[in-house]
Amino acid sequence: MHSSQTAMRQGRGAHTEPPTIRYLKGLLAWRQGDAQDGLASLEAAITLHLDQAAKIPLSLDLYAVLCPGRILGIVRMLLNSSGGEPRAPTEAPSPLIAKCTRALELLGKHAPAMMEAQVMSARAAFLNGNLDVAVRRAHEIL
């Protein structure tokens, strides 16, 4: 029985793993001090959430799959891991911040009342070096 469970786990790739499981694995790795694996799993969880949400038409099911609070928590952790200083104009844009921005734009579209998502969107723009965009978003929030 144990060998069949192991074979089943090996046959099933990480891409078929539910986003909630990927999120929990990432959170566990993060809390146990394995920041690299934790960040990778949390990024994968966001991607899985967004991919699943893209397949569902606008309805209450979309919000159940999208899970805005969880995505917001993941984005918060990812942005906190990016540091607090904006990138220099000579640096390439961060792919991690680009994923966070994409997730925050989706949350802004489907859950516009989430003020924290809007604030984090301004912060992501700031960290990515888009100071004008960050200021404009901050003004829109206020």
Protein backbone atom coordinates (compact mmCIF):
# COMPACT_ATOMS: atom_id res chain seq x y z
CA MET A 1 0.00 0.00 0.00
CA HIS A 2 2.82 2.38 0.82
CA SER A 3 4.51 1.80 -2.55
CA SER A 4 1.26 2.48 -4.39
CA GLN A 5 0.84 5.77 -2.53
CA THR A 6 4.41 6.73 -3.38
CA ALA A 7 3.88 5.83 -7.05
CA MET A 8 0.68 7.85 -7.09
CA ARG A 9 2.48 10.87 -5.62
CA GLN A 10 5.31 10.57 -8.13
CA GLY A 11 2.89 10.20 -11.04
CA ARG A 12 1.02 13.29 -10.00
CA GLY A 13 3.02 16.44 -10.70
CA ALA A 14 2.99 19.65 -8.74
CA HIS A 15 0.91 21.29 -11.47
CA THR A 16 -2.11 19.15 -10.57
CA GLU A 17 -1.79 19.95 -6.90
CA PRO A 18 -4.65 22.08 -5.54
CA PRO A 19 -3.66 25.70 -4.84
CA THR A 20 -4.59 25.34 -1.17
CA ILE A 21 -2.14 22.46 -0.69
CA ARG A 22 0.59 24.39 -2.53
CA TYR A 23 -0.15 27.42 -0.33
CA LEU A 24 0.04 25.38 2.88
CA LYS A 25 3.32 23.75 1.80
CA GLY A 26 4.77 27.15 1.01
CA LEU A 27 3.61 28.60 4.30
CA LEU A 28 5.06 25.65 6.21
CA ALA A 29 8.40 25.92 4.41
CA TRP A 30 8.45 29.68 5.03
CA ARG A 31 7.73 29.28 8.74
CA GLN A 32 10.35 26.53 9.09
CA GLY A 33 13.01 28.88 7.73
CA ASP A 34 13.26 27.59 4.16
CA ALA A 35 12.49 30.93 2.53
CA GLN A 36 13.56 29.90 -0.98
CA ASP A 37 11.27 26.86 -1.17
CA GLY A 38 8.52 28.75 0.63
CA LEU A 39 8.61 31.63 -1.85
CA ALA A 40 8.61 29.23 -4.81
CA SER A 41 5.58 27.38 -3.43
CA LEU A 42 3.73 30.60 -2.65
CA GLU A 43 4.40 31.90 -6.16
CA ALA A 44 3.10 28.61 -7.56
CA ALA A 45 0.00 28.90 -5.35
CA ILE A 46 -0.78 32.35 -6.77
CA THR A 47 -0.33 31.04 -10.31
CA LEU A 48 -2.62 28.08 -9.64
CA HIS A 49 -5.28 30.32 -8.06
CA LEU A 50 -5.21 32.72 -11.00
CA ASP A 51 -5.24 29.91 -13.58
CA GLN A 52 -8.26 28.30 -11.94
CA ALA A 53 -10.06 31.63 -11.64
CA ALA A 54 -9.45 32.40 -15.32
CA LYS A 55 -11.42 29.29 -16.31
CA ILE A 56 -14.55 30.26 -14.36
CA PRO A 57 -17.14 32.76 -15.62
CA LEU A 58 -18.04 35.71 -13.43
CA SER A 59 -20.15 34.24 -10.63
CA LEU A 60 -19.99 33.45 -6.93
CA ASP A 61 -17.92 30.38 -7.80
CA LEU A 62 -15.21 32.70 -9.10
CA TYR A 63 -14.83 34.30 -5.68
CA ALA A 64 -14.73 30.91 -3.97
CA VAL A 65 -11.93 29.77 -6.27
CA LEU A 66 -10.14 33.11 -6.34
CA CYS A 67 -9.97 33.29 -2.53
CA PRO A 68 -9.05 37.01 -2.35
CA GLY A 69 -7.98 36.97 1.30
CA ARG A 70 -5.50 34.15 0.74
CA ILE A 71 -4.05 35.74 -2.38
CA LEU A 72 -3.69 39.01 -0.50
CA GLY A 73 -1.82 37.21 2.28
CA ILE A 74 0.52 35.54 -0.21
CA VAL A 75 1.18 38.83 -1.99
CA ARG A 76 1.88 40.51 1.36
CA MET A 77 4.49 37.86 2.21
CA LEU A 78 6.08 38.06 -1.24
CA LEU A 79 6.28 41.86 -1.19
CA ASN A 80 7.75 41.82 2.32
CA SER A 81 10.45 39.44 1.10
CA SER A 82 11.37 41.89 -1.68
CA GLY A 83 12.79 44.45 0.72
CA GLY A 84 11.79 48.06 1.13
CA GLU A 85 13.90 49.91 -1.41
CA PRO A 86 12.83 50.52 -5.01
CA ARG A 87 14.90 49.01 -7.77
CA ALA A 88 17.37 51.23 -9.56
CA PRO A 89 16.53 52.39 -13.11
CA THR A 90 19.38 50.23 -14.44
CA GLU A 91 18.04 47.06 -12.80
CA ALA A 92 15.69 44.68 -14.59
CA PRO A 93 12.11 44.54 -13.29
CA SER A 94 11.56 41.85 -10.69
CA PRO A 95 9.54 38.87 -11.96
CA LEU A 96 8.30 38.31 -8.40
CA ILE A 97 6.90 41.82 -8.19
CA ALA A 98 5.39 41.42 -11.66
CA LYS A 99 3.48 38.35 -10.43
CA CYS A 100 2.35 40.25 -7.37
CA THR A 101 1.19 43.15 -9.55
CA ARG A 102 -0.78 40.81 -11.79
CA ALA A 103 -2.49 39.24 -8.77
CA LEU A 104 -3.25 42.66 -7.26
CA GLU A 105 -4.72 43.92 -10.54
CA LEU A 106 -7.02 40.91 -10.64
CA LEU A 107 -8.06 41.52 -7.03
CA GLY A 108 -8.65 45.19 -7.81
CA LYS A 109 -10.89 44.20 -10.69
CA HIS A 110 -12.94 41.58 -8.84
CA ALA A 111 -12.78 42.89 -5.27
CA PRO A 112 -12.35 46.67 -5.54
CA ALA A 113 -13.33 47.29 -1.91
CA MET A 114 -10.17 45.58 -0.63
CA MET A 115 -8.23 48.68 0.35
CA GLU A 116 -5.19 46.70 1.41
CA ALA A 117 -4.89 45.30 -2.12
CA GLN A 118 -4.87 48.83 -3.51
CA VAL A 119 -2.22 49.95 -1.01
CA MET A 120 -0.10 46.91 -1.85
CA SER A 121 -0.50 47.69 -5.54
CA ALA A 122 1.03 51.13 -4.93
CA ARG A 123 3.80 49.50 -2.89
CA ALA A 124 4.52 46.98 -5.66
CA ALA A 125 4.81 49.81 -8.17
CA PHE A 126 7.19 51.63 -5.79
CA LEU A 127 9.37 48.53 -5.28
CA ASN A 128 9.50 47.96 -9.03
CA GLY A 129 10.80 51.51 -9.52
CA ASN A 130 7.61 52.97 -11.02
CA LEU A 131 7.49 55.93 -8.68
CA ASP A 132 5.01 57.94 -10.77
CA VAL A 133 2.58 55.01 -10.86
CA ALA A 134 3.01 54.46 -7.12
CA VAL A 135 2.25 58.11 -6.35
CA ARG A 136 -0.78 58.11 -8.66
CA ARG A 137 -2.18 54.97 -7.01
CA ALA A 138 -1.60 56.43 -3.57
CA HIS A 139 -3.49 59.58 -4.59
CA GLU A 140 -6.36 57.45 -5.95
CA ILE A 141 -6.58 55.60 -2.63
CA LEU A 142 -6.70 58.80 -0.61
